[in-house]
Amino acid sequence: MAFLKEHLDQTIRYSADVFQFLSLPVLGFIPRLGPLEDRKLKGISPADREIIFDLGGSRVAKVGTLIKDHPRNDLGIHRGTAFSEAFRELRTSVVLSASEHFANSILVTSAQPDEGKTTVAVNLAFSLAQLGKPVLLVDANMRRPSIQKYFPQKESQLSSYLAGEGAWQQMVFPTAISRLSVLHCGPIPENPSELLSSDRMRALIQESMATYRFVILDSPPLLNRADSRILGSMVGATILVVKGGETPRQVVQYAESHARSVGVNLIGVVLNNLDSSLKDYSYYACARPNAQAGAA
């Protein structure tokens, strides 16, 4: 029965699946994030257990309570939780990979919607900012922007700049998180692909890399839209987020081939939404170093 179940499972679940079907390294494993009041915070000091950042980092809330006036609560969790440690591991992988490819502009995308790429992009940007270098987070998803769920939306942003209104530097706003700035999508345009493929978008990426150590772009999924492939050809590196145990590997393979066909530099995969309460998660974490060594 176990063999049959494993044989019938056509999803990406383990690092070995990523290597076998995509020939890409695994950059990180992100555990599933449950409701805030249900998180297990064992082993955390009382001081760290006392507070977490809220979505904008501007105020704090007691652990065990939900921030009712915002839809998301998965940003800036203090050290010691599996979620925060996972992003520190991902940060290390990204910094090493980016240095190897001389890339400080990174696109975060996925094969299909609802795989957690925005959560990965936001928390990766937050984690990179903790290194003490300036980081710019850009909401380049002009079809379903989501970064405003974490940070307050401003009026004139990326879509306004791409439409010819002003300079992009005037539309970047600092967040309450030190050294992290954000450029929101702004009003959703009628022609996102045309705007994203414009010279102004290319200029924004090139110019921002001179000011920020890392520029992180959140984008639409790779399939069904050309937006991510357009952006992927402009940035130095692209990360593919895969929802572990749910996304069919054929879908991920199709997305990967779509990206490579236009010269997108895929540096690796982030396996997201893994159940940290199960023994399987220990397998993910323990298997990762050996798998990477084998890939090297």
C-alpha atoms as a PDB file:
ATOM      1  CA  MET A   1       0.000   0.000   0.000  1.00  0.00           C
ATOM      2  CA  ALA A   2       2.857   2.382   0.830  1.00  0.00           C
ATOM      3  CA  PHE A   3       4.549   1.603  -2.501  1.00  0.00           C
ATOM      4  CA  LEU A   4       1.281   2.113  -4.400  1.00  0.00           C
ATOM      5  CA  LYS A   5       0.588   5.414  -2.650  1.00  0.00           C
ATOM      6  CA  GLU A   6       4.094   6.649  -3.448  1.00  0.00           C
ATOM      7  CA  HIS A   7       3.796   5.497  -7.058  1.00  0.00           C
ATOM      8  CA  LEU A   8       0.470   7.274  -7.561  1.00  0.00           C
ATOM      9  CA  ASP A   9       1.740  10.538  -6.040  1.00  0.00           C
ATOM     10  CA  GLN A  10       2.585  12.769  -9.008  1.00  0.00           C
ATOM     11  CA  THR A  11       3.513  15.848  -6.964  1.00  0.00           C
ATOM     12  CA  ILE A  12       6.857  17.384  -6.010  1.00  0.00           C
ATOM     13  CA  ARG A  13       7.445  16.392  -2.382  1.00  0.00           C
ATOM     14  CA  TYR A  14      11.147  15.794  -1.748  1.00  0.00           C
ATOM     15  CA  SER A  15      14.456  17.324  -2.747  1.00  0.00           C
ATOM     16  CA  ALA A  16      15.115  14.196  -4.804  1.00  0.00           C
ATOM     17  CA  ASP A  17      11.993  15.003  -6.858  1.00  0.00           C
ATOM     18  CA  VAL A  18      13.338  18.471  -7.616  1.00  0.00           C
ATOM     19  CA  PHE A  19      16.698  17.107  -8.778  1.00  0.00           C
ATOM     20  CA  GLN A  20      15.150  14.295 -10.792  1.00  0.00           C
ATOM     21  CA  PHE A  21      12.421  16.206 -12.589  1.00  0.00           C
ATOM     22  CA  LEU A  22      13.802  19.758 -12.745  1.00  0.00           C
ATOM     23  CA  SER A  23      17.592  19.384 -12.418  1.00  0.00           C
ATOM     24  CA  LEU A  24      17.600  22.331 -10.007  1.00  0.00           C
ATOM     25  CA  PRO A  25      18.932  22.694  -6.447  1.00  0.00           C
ATOM     26  CA  VAL A  26      16.578  23.127  -3.506  1.00  0.00           C
ATOM     27  CA  LEU A  27      17.228  26.524  -1.924  1.00  0.00           C
ATOM     28  CA  GLY A  28      14.969  26.065   1.075  1.00  0.00           C
ATOM     29  CA  PHE A  29      12.150  24.210   2.797  1.00  0.00           C
ATOM     30  CA  ILE A  30       9.377  26.392   4.254  1.00  0.00           C
ATOM     31  CA  PRO A  31       7.076  24.803   6.839  1.00  0.00           C
ATOM     32  CA  ARG A  32       3.340  25.261   6.745  1.00  0.00           C
ATOM     33  CA  LEU A  33       2.244  28.258   8.800  1.00  0.00           C
ATOM     34  CA  GLY A  34      -0.916  27.644  10.791  1.00  0.00           C
ATOM     35  CA  PRO A  35      -3.055  30.135  12.739  1.00  0.00           C
ATOM     36  CA  LEU A  36      -1.031  32.310  15.045  1.00  0.00           C
ATOM     37  CA  GLU A  37      -2.682  31.024  18.200  1.00  0.00           C
ATOM     38  CA  ASP A  38      -1.879  27.419  17.249  1.00  0.00           C
ATOM     39  CA  ARG A  39       1.843  27.859  16.645  1.00  0.00           C
ATOM     40  CA  LYS A  40       4.133  25.818  18.822  1.00  0.00           C
ATOM     41  CA  LEU A  41       6.792  28.089  20.298  1.00  0.00           C
ATOM     42  CA  LYS A  42       8.608  25.578  22.468  1.00  0.00           C
ATOM     43  CA  GLY A  43      12.201  26.395  23.311  1.00  0.00           C
ATOM     44  CA  ILE A  44      11.806  30.159  22.779  1.00  0.00           C
ATOM     45  CA  SER A  45      12.858  32.455  25.584  1.00  0.00           C
ATOM     46  CA  PRO A  46      10.073  34.370  27.389  1.00  0.00           C
ATOM     47  CA  ALA A  47      11.294  37.634  25.840  1.00  0.00           C
ATOM     48  CA  ASP A  48      11.097  36.249  22.311  1.00  0.00           C
ATOM     49  CA  ARG A  49       7.795  34.533  23.044  1.00  0.00           C
ATOM     50  CA  GLU A  50       6.297  37.814  24.120  1.00  0.00           C
ATOM     51  CA  ILE A  51       6.169  39.725  20.833  1.00  0.00           C
ATOM     52  CA  ILE A  52       6.144  39.404  17.077  1.00  0.00           C
ATOM     53  CA  PHE A  53       6.074  42.049  14.370  1.00  0.00           C
ATOM     54  CA  ASP A  54       2.732  42.700  12.764  1.00  0.00           C
ATOM     55  CA  LEU A  55       2.295  43.058   9.018  1.00  0.00           C
ATOM     56  CA  GLY A  56       3.855  46.482   8.710  1.00  0.00           C
ATOM     57  CA  GLY A  57       6.248  46.056  11.605  1.00  0.00           C
ATOM     58  CA  SER A  58       4.831  49.209  13.192  1.00  0.00           C
ATOM     59  CA  ARG A  59       3.309  47.611  16.260  1.00  0.00           C
ATOM     60  CA  VAL A  60       3.503  44.374  18.180  1.00  0.00           C
ATOM     61  CA  ALA A  61       1.003  41.828  19.377  1.00  0.00           C
ATOM     62  CA  LYS A  62       1.046  39.201  22.082  1.00  0.00           C
ATOM     63  CA  VAL A  63       1.737  35.716  20.825  1.00  0.00           C
ATOM     64  CA  GLY A  64      -1.470  33.721  20.956  1.00  0.00           C
ATOM     65  CA  THR A  65      -3.596  36.555  19.582  1.00  0.00           C
ATOM     66  CA  LEU A  66      -4.589  37.305  16.013  1.00  0.00           C
ATOM     67  CA  ILE A  67      -4.206  40.742  14.463  1.00  0.00           C
ATOM     68  CA  LYS A  68      -7.840  41.068  13.439  1.00  0.00           C
ATOM     69  CA  ASP A  69      -7.610  44.082  11.147  1.00  0.00           C
ATOM     70  CA  HIS A  70      -5.130  42.512   8.727  1.00  0.00           C
ATOM     71  CA  PRO A  71      -5.473  39.377   6.607  1.00  0.00           C
ATOM     72  CA  ARG A  72      -1.896  38.092   7.095  1.00  0.00           C
ATOM     73  CA  ASN A  73       0.258  37.461  10.136  1.00  0.00           C
ATOM     74  CA  ASP A  74       3.250  35.624   8.704  1.00  0.00           C
ATOM     75  CA  LEU A  75       5.923  38.322   8.600  1.00  0.00           C
ATOM     76  CA  GLY A  76       8.842  38.946  10.896  1.00  0.00           C
ATOM     77  CA  ILE A  77       8.486  36.148  13.417  1.00  0.00           C
ATOM     78  CA  HIS A  78      11.258  36.173  15.998  1.00  0.00           C
ATOM     79  CA  ARG A  79      14.090  33.672  16.081  1.00  0.00           C
ATOM     80  CA  GLY A  80      13.494  30.155  17.279  1.00  0.00           C
ATOM     81  CA  THR A  81      10.416  29.205  15.249  1.00  0.00           C
ATOM     82  CA  ALA A  82      10.664  26.751  12.369  1.00  0.00           C
ATOM     83  CA  PHE A  83       9.259  29.390  10.032  1.00  0.00           C
ATOM     84  CA  SER A  84      11.870  32.049  10.829  1.00  0.00           C
ATOM     85  CA  GLU A  85      14.733  29.544  10.800  1.00  0.00           C
ATOM     86  CA  ALA A  86      13.587  28.264   7.411  1.00  0.00           C
ATOM     87  CA  PHE A  87      13.896  31.744   5.954  1.00  0.00           C
ATOM     88  CA  ARG A  88      17.342  32.192   7.450  1.00  0.00           C
ATOM     89  CA  GLU A  89      18.366  28.991   5.683  1.00  0.00           C
ATOM     90  CA  LEU A  90      16.768  30.243   2.465  1.00  0.00           C
ATOM     91  CA  ARG A  91      18.545  33.583   2.848  1.00  0.00           C
ATOM     92  CA  THR A  92      21.900  31.835   3.098  1.00  0.00           C
ATOM     93  CA  SER A  93      21.212  29.790  -0.032  1.00  0.00           C
ATOM     94  CA  VAL A  94      20.058  32.854  -1.961  1.00  0.00           C
ATOM     95  CA  VAL A  95      23.036  34.985  -0.931  1.00  0.00           C
ATOM     96  CA  LEU A  96      25.480  32.268  -1.972  1.00  0.00           C
ATOM     97  CA  SER A  97      23.667  31.580  -5.257  1.00  0.00           C
ATOM     98  CA  ALA A  98      23.319  35.289  -6.060  1.00  0.00           C
ATOM     99  CA  SER A  99      27.010  35.869  -5.398  1.00  0.00           C
ATOM    100  CA  GLU A 100      27.893  32.975  -7.670  1.00  0.00           C
ATOM    101  CA  HIS A 101      25.752  34.424 -10.479  1.00  0.00           C
ATOM    102  CA  PHE A 102      26.638  38.074  -9.707  1.00  0.00           C
ATOM    103  CA  ALA A 103      22.925  38.742  -9.289  1.00  0.00           C
ATOM    104  CA  ASN A 104      21.258  41.115  -6.860  1.00  0.00           C
ATOM    105  CA  SER A 105      17.927  41.329  -8.686  1.00  0.00           C
ATOM    106  CA  ILE A 106      15.785  38.268  -7.927  1.00  0.00           C
ATOM    107  CA  LEU A 107      12.348  37.322  -9.231  1.00  0.00           C
ATOM    108  CA  VAL A 108      10.126  35.092  -7.074  1.00  0.00           C
ATOM    109  CA  THR A 109       7.526  33.179  -9.043  1.00  0.00           C
ATOM    110  CA  SER A 110       5.626  29.880  -9.140  1.00  0.00           C
ATOM    111  CA  ALA A 111       4.025  27.586 -11.682  1.00  0.00           C
ATOM    112  CA  GLN A 112       0.447  28.359 -10.687  1.00  0.00           C
ATOM    113  CA  PRO A 113      -1.478  30.557  -8.203  1.00  0.00           C
ATOM    114  CA  ASP A 114      -1.685  29.988  -4.446  1.00  0.00           C
ATOM    115  CA  GLU A 115       1.720  28.346  -3.996  1.00  0.00           C
ATOM    116  CA  GLY A 116       2.921  30.937  -1.499  1.00  0.00           C
ATOM    117  CA  LYS A 117       5.306  32.940  -3.650  1.00  0.00           C
ATOM    118  CA  THR A 118       4.280  36.303  -2.142  1.00  0.00           C
ATOM    119  CA  THR A 119       4.840  34.998   1.387  1.00  0.00           C
ATOM    120  CA  VAL A 120       8.257  33.746   0.270  1.00  0.00           C
ATOM    121  CA  ALA A 121       9.125  37.031  -1.473  1.00  0.00           C
ATOM    122  CA  VAL A 122       8.103  39.215   1.488  1.00  0.00           C
ATOM    123  CA  ASN A 123       9.798  37.139   4.156  1.00  0.00           C
ATOM    124  CA  LEU A 124      12.924  36.661   2.053  1.00  0.00           C
ATOM    125  CA  ALA A 125      13.171  40.435   1.622  1.00  0.00           C
ATOM    126  CA  PHE A 126      12.665  40.882   5.367  1.00  0.00           C
ATOM    127  CA  SER A 127      15.350  38.308   6.141  1.00  0.00           C
ATOM    128  CA  LEU A 128      17.826  39.869   3.689  1.00  0.00           C
ATOM    129  CA  ALA A 129      17.264  43.301   5.234  1.00  0.00           C
ATOM    130  CA  GLN A 130      18.341  41.856   8.574  1.00  0.00           C
ATOM    131  CA  LEU A 131      21.843  41.483   7.118  1.00  0.00           C
ATOM    132  CA  GLY A 132      22.175  45.257   7.318  1.00  0.00           C
ATOM    133  CA  LYS A 133      22.045  45.988   3.589  1.00  0.00           C
ATOM    134  CA  PRO A 134      19.283  47.955   1.793  1.00  0.00           C
ATOM    135  CA  VAL A 135      16.613  45.813   0.159  1.00  0.00           C
ATOM    136  CA  LEU A 136      13.856  46.831  -2.259  1.00  0.00           C
ATOM    137  CA  LEU A 137      10.684  44.741  -2.500  1.00  0.00           C
ATOM    138  CA  VAL A 138       8.730  45.293  -5.728  1.00  0.00           C
ATOM    139  CA  ASP A 139       5.163  44.115  -6.290  1.00  0.00           C
ATOM    140  CA  ALA A 140       5.375  43.319 -10.001  1.00  0.00           C
ATOM    141  CA  ASN A 141       2.216  41.203  -9.967  1.00  0.00           C
ATOM    142  CA  MET A 142      -0.014  43.551 -11.933  1.00  0.00           C
ATOM    143  CA  ARG A 143      -2.860  41.075 -12.164  1.00  0.00           C
ATOM    144  CA  ARG A 144      -3.285  40.095  -8.516  1.00  0.00           C
ATOM    145  CA  PRO A 145      -1.061  42.293  -6.330  1.00  0.00           C
ATOM    146  CA  SER A 146      -0.685  40.995  -2.774  1.00  0.00           C
ATOM    147  CA  ILE A 147       2.095  42.889  -1.034  1.00  0.00           C
ATOM    148  CA  GLN A 148      -0.418  45.466   0.219  1.00  0.00           C
ATOM    149  CA  LYS A 149      -1.605  42.707   2.567  1.00  0.00           C
ATOM    150  CA  TYR A 150       1.677  43.140   4.408  1.00  0.00           C
ATOM    151  CA  PHE A 151       2.431  46.841   3.973  1.00  0.00           C
ATOM    152  CA  PRO A 152       0.112  49.843   3.512  1.00  0.00           C
ATOM    153  CA  GLN A 153      -0.719  50.600  -0.110  1.00  0.00           C
ATOM    154  CA  LYS A 154       0.424  53.933  -1.525  1.00  0.00           C
ATOM    155  CA  GLU A 155      -1.294  55.817  -4.337  1.00  0.00           C
ATOM    156  CA  SER A 156       1.351  56.320  -7.037  1.00  0.00           C
ATOM    157  CA  GLN A 157       3.440  53.210  -7.518  1.00  0.00           C
ATOM    158  CA  LEU A 158       4.888  50.855 -10.155  1.00  0.00           C
ATOM    159  CA  SER A 159       2.024  50.996 -12.649  1.00  0.00           C
ATOM    160  CA  SER A 160       2.019  54.798 -12.493  1.00  0.00           C
ATOM    161  CA  TYR A 161       5.755  54.930 -13.135  1.00  0.00           C
ATOM    162  CA  LEU A 162       5.529  52.487 -16.059  1.00  0.00           C
ATOM    163  CA  ALA A 163       2.737  54.596 -17.523  1.00  0.00           C
ATOM    164  CA  GLY A 164       5.155  57.534 -17.657  1.00  0.00           C
ATOM    165  CA  GLU A 165       4.325  59.359 -14.426  1.00  0.00           C
ATOM    166  CA  GLY A 166       7.442  60.546 -12.605  1.00  0.00           C
ATOM    167  CA  ALA A 167      10.534  58.707 -11.408  1.00  0.00           C
ATOM    168  CA  TRP A 168      10.431  55.342  -9.667  1.00  0.00           C
ATOM    169  CA  GLN A 169      12.614  56.676  -6.828  1.00  0.00           C
ATOM    170  CA  GLN A 170       9.764  58.995  -5.824  1.00  0.00           C
ATOM    171  CA  MET A 171       7.385  56.029  -5.494  1.00  0.00           C
ATOM    172  CA  VAL A 172       9.521  53.886  -3.191  1.00  0.00           C
ATOM    173  CA  PHE A 173       8.558  54.060   0.470  1.00  0.00           C
ATOM    174  CA  PRO A 174      10.503  52.815   3.511  1.00  0.00           C
ATOM    175  CA  THR A 175       8.768  50.305   5.747  1.00  0.00           C
ATOM    176  CA  ALA A 176       8.915  50.147   9.518  1.00  0.00           C
ATOM    177  CA  ILE A 177      11.432  47.330   9.030  1.00  0.00           C
ATOM    178  CA  SER A 178      14.922  48.801   8.975  1.00  0.00           C
ATOM    179  CA  ARG A 179      16.570  48.898   5.517  1.00  0.00           C
ATOM    180  CA  LEU A 180      13.536  47.413   3.756  1.00  0.00           C
ATOM    181  CA  SER A 181      11.728  49.584   1.197  1.00  0.00           C
ATOM    182  CA  VAL A 182       8.710  48.684  -0.908  1.00  0.00           C
ATOM    183  CA  LEU A 183       7.403  49.634  -4.335  1.00  0.00           C
ATOM    184  CA  HIS A 184       3.738  48.670  -4.609  1.00  0.00           C
ATOM    185  CA  CYS A 185       1.956  47.704  -7.802  1.00  0.00           C
ATOM    186  CA  GLY A 186      -0.476  50.613  -7.626  1.00  0.00           C
ATOM    187  CA  PRO A 187      -3.619  50.724  -9.804  1.00  0.00           C
ATOM    188  CA  ILE A 188      -4.053  47.541 -11.840  1.00  0.00           C
ATOM    189  CA  PRO A 189      -3.474  48.430 -15.517  1.00  0.00           C
ATOM    190  CA  GLU A 190      -5.274  47.067 -18.556  1.00  0.00           C
ATOM    191  CA  ASN A 191      -2.028  46.104 -20.320  1.00  0.00           C
ATOM    192  CA  PRO A 192       0.356  44.654 -17.706  1.00  0.00           C
ATOM    193  CA  SER A 193       2.477  42.636 -20.129  1.00  0.00           C
ATOM    194  CA  GLU A 194       3.157  45.666 -22.312  1.00  0.00           C
ATOM    195  CA  LEU A 195       4.106  47.800 -19.314  1.00  0.00           C
ATOM    196  CA  LEU A 196       6.384  45.149 -17.838  1.00  0.00           C
ATOM    197  CA  SER A 197       8.206  44.678 -21.144  1.00  0.00           C
ATOM    198  CA  SER A 198       8.847  48.411 -21.500  1.00  0.00           C
ATOM    199  CA  ASP A 199      12.194  50.201 -21.350  1.00  0.00           C
ATOM    200  CA  ARG A 200      11.057  51.917 -18.142  1.00  0.00           C
ATOM    201  CA  MET A 201      10.769  48.573 -16.357  1.00  0.00           C
ATOM    202  CA  ARG A 202      14.200  47.521 -17.539  1.00  0.00           C
ATOM    203  CA  ALA A 203      15.592  50.883 -16.424  1.00  0.00           C
ATOM    204  CA  LEU A 204      13.992  50.505 -12.993  1.00  0.00           C
ATOM    205  CA  ILE A 205      15.676  47.139 -12.437  1.00  0.00           C
ATOM    206  CA  GLN A 206      19.069  48.332 -13.639  1.00  0.00           C
ATOM    207  CA  GLU A 207      18.993  51.587 -11.684  1.00  0.00           C
ATOM    208  CA  SER A 208      17.668  50.054  -8.466  1.00  0.00           C
ATOM    209  CA  MET A 209      20.536  47.548  -8.404  1.00  0.00           C
ATOM    210  CA  ALA A 210      22.940  50.465  -8.028  1.00  0.00           C
ATOM    211  CA  THR A 211      21.137  51.605  -4.860  1.00  0.00           C
ATOM    212  CA  TYR A 212      19.986  48.367  -3.204  1.00  0.00           C
ATOM    213  CA  ARG A 213      21.980  45.272  -2.320  1.00  0.00           C
ATOM    214  CA  PHE A 214      19.001  43.105  -3.255  1.00  0.00           C
ATOM    215  CA  VAL A 215      15.939  43.855  -5.370  1.00  0.00           C
ATOM    216  CA  ILE A 216      13.197  41.251  -4.829  1.00  0.00           C
ATOM    217  CA  LEU A 217      10.308  41.138  -7.308  1.00  0.00           C
ATOM    218  CA  ASP A 218       7.044  39.319  -6.666  1.00  0.00           C
ATOM    219  CA  SER A 219       5.412  38.314  -9.947  1.00  0.00           C
ATOM    220  CA  PRO A 220       2.436  36.399 -11.375  1.00  0.00           C
ATOM    221  CA  PRO A 221       2.691  32.616 -11.919  1.00  0.00           C
ATOM    222  CA  LEU A 222       4.665  31.434 -14.936  1.00  0.00           C
ATOM    223  CA  LEU A 223       1.851  29.585 -16.682  1.00  0.00           C
ATOM    224  CA  ASN A 224      -0.918  31.251 -18.700  1.00  0.00           C
ATOM    225  CA  ARG A 225       0.729  34.692 -18.527  1.00  0.00           C
ATOM    226  CA  ALA A 226       3.895  36.072 -20.116  1.00  0.00           C
ATOM    227  CA  ASP A 227       4.619  38.531 -17.275  1.00  0.00           C
ATOM    228  CA  SER A 228       7.037  36.361 -15.284  1.00  0.00           C
ATOM    229  CA  ARG A 229       8.968  35.297 -18.355  1.00  0.00           C
ATOM    230  CA  ILE A 230       9.325  38.938 -19.368  1.00  0.00           C
ATOM    231  CA  LEU A 231      10.579  39.908 -15.916  1.00  0.00           C
ATOM    232  CA  GLY A 232      12.740  36.805 -15.615  1.00  0.00           C
ATOM    233  CA  SER A 233      14.672  37.818 -18.703  1.00  0.00           C
ATOM    234  CA  MET A 234      15.463  41.201 -17.079  1.00  0.00           C
ATOM    235  CA  VAL A 235      16.609  40.112 -13.617  1.00  0.00           C
ATOM    236  CA  GLY A 236      19.765  38.302 -12.610  1.00  0.00           C
ATOM    237  CA  ALA A 237      18.111  35.290 -11.004  1.00  0.00           C
ATOM    238  CA  THR A 238      14.718  33.640 -10.572  1.00  0.00           C
ATOM    239  CA  ILE A 239      13.413  31.467  -7.735  1.00  0.00           C
ATOM    240  CA  LEU A 240      10.627  28.957  -8.381  1.00  0.00           C
ATOM    241  CA  VAL A 241       8.268  28.362  -5.435  1.00  0.00           C
ATOM    242  CA  VAL A 242       6.588  24.945  -5.391  1.00  0.00           C
ATOM    243  CA  LYS A 243       3.838  23.938  -2.972  1.00  0.00           C
ATOM    244  CA  GLY A 244       5.180  20.655  -1.671  1.00  0.00           C
ATOM    245  CA  GLY A 245       2.912  17.650  -1.963  1.00  0.00           C
ATOM    246  CA  GLU A 246       0.253  19.541  -3.949  1.00  0.00           C
ATOM    247  CA  THR A 247       1.629  20.905  -7.220  1.00  0.00           C
ATOM    248  CA  PRO A 248       1.736  18.221  -9.945  1.00  0.00           C
ATOM    249  CA  ARG A 249       5.266  17.701 -11.201  1.00  0.00           C
ATOM    250  CA  GLN A 250       4.106  17.888 -14.823  1.00  0.00           C
ATOM    251  CA  VAL A 251       2.872  21.435 -14.129  1.00  0.00           C
ATOM    252  CA  VAL A 252       6.185  22.399 -12.528  1.00  0.00           C
ATOM    253  CA  GLN A 253       8.156  20.853 -15.394  1.00  0.00           C
ATOM    254  CA  TYR A 254       6.073  22.770 -17.924  1.00  0.00           C
ATOM    255  CA  ALA A 255       6.634  26.031 -16.043  1.00  0.00           C
ATOM    256  CA  GLU A 256      10.374  25.367 -15.786  1.00  0.00           C
ATOM    257  CA  SER A 257      10.688  24.686 -19.521  1.00  0.00           C
ATOM    258  CA  HIS A 258       8.651  27.833 -20.262  1.00  0.00           C
ATOM    259  CA  ALA A 259      11.090  29.894 -18.220  1.00  0.00           C
ATOM    260  CA  ARG A 260      14.235  28.358 -19.695  1.00  0.00           C
ATOM    261  CA  SER A 261      12.939  28.821 -23.243  1.00  0.00           C
ATOM    262  CA  VAL A 262      13.334  32.598 -22.908  1.00  0.00           C
ATOM    263  CA  GLY A 263      16.645  32.507 -21.070  1.00  0.00           C
ATOM    264  CA  VAL A 264      15.390  32.892 -17.495  1.00  0.00           C
ATOM    265  CA  ASN A 265      18.164  32.098 -14.997  1.00  0.00           C
ATOM    266  CA  LEU A 266      16.483  29.699 -12.560  1.00  0.00           C
ATOM    267  CA  ILE A 267      18.802  29.346  -9.582  1.00  0.00           C
ATOM    268  CA  GLY A 268      16.670  26.944  -7.571  1.00  0.00           C
ATOM    269  CA  VAL A 269      13.408  25.831  -6.013  1.00  0.00           C
ATOM    270  CA  VAL A 270      11.763  26.648  -2.688  1.00  0.00           C
ATOM    271  CA  LEU A 271       9.560  23.828  -1.406  1.00  0.00           C
ATOM    272  CA  ASN A 272       6.760  25.565   0.454  1.00  0.00           C
ATOM    273  CA  ASN A 273       3.932  24.558   2.795  1.00  0.00           C
ATOM    274  CA  LEU A 274       5.596  21.510   4.331  1.00  0.00           C
ATOM    275  CA  ASP A 275       4.089  20.074   7.499  1.00  0.00           C
ATOM    276  CA  SER A 276       6.705  20.659  10.210  1.00  0.00           C
ATOM    277  CA  SER A 277       4.749  18.558  12.712  1.00  0.00           C
ATOM    278  CA  LEU A 278       5.330  15.383  10.734  1.00  0.00           C
ATOM    279  CA  LYS A 279       8.451  13.259  10.595  1.00  0.00           C
ATOM    280  CA  ASP A 280       8.558  13.949   6.849  1.00  0.00           C
ATOM    281  CA  TYR A 281       9.751  17.495   7.560  1.00  0.00           C
ATOM    282  CA  SER A 282      12.791  16.127   9.393  1.00  0.00           C
ATOM    283  CA  TYR A 283      13.530  14.129   6.271  1.00  0.00           C
ATOM    284  CA  TYR A 284      13.384  17.287   4.154  1.00  0.00           C
ATOM    285  CA  ALA A 285      15.748  19.173   6.430  1.00  0.00           C
ATOM    286  CA  CYS A 286      18.179  16.295   6.915  1.00  0.00           C
ATOM    287  CA  ALA A 287      18.208  15.286   3.264  1.00  0.00           C
ATOM    288  CA  ARG A 288      18.959  18.763   2.016  1.00  0.00           C
ATOM    289  CA  PRO A 289      22.754  18.966   2.578  1.00  0.00           C
ATOM    290  CA  ASN A 290      23.404  15.521   1.075  1.00  0.00           C
ATOM    291  CA  ALA A 291      21.197  16.279  -1.901  1.00  0.00           C
ATOM    292  CA  GLN A 292      22.965  19.571  -2.553  1.00  0.00           C
ATOM    293  CA  ALA A 293      26.336  17.883  -2.292  1.00  0.00           C
ATOM    294  CA  GLY A 294      25.224  15.320  -4.822  1.00  0.00           C
ATOM    295  CA  ALA A 295      24.009  18.029  -7.170  1.00  0.00           C
ATOM    296  CA  ALA A 296      27.330  19.859  -6.906  1.00  0.00           C
END
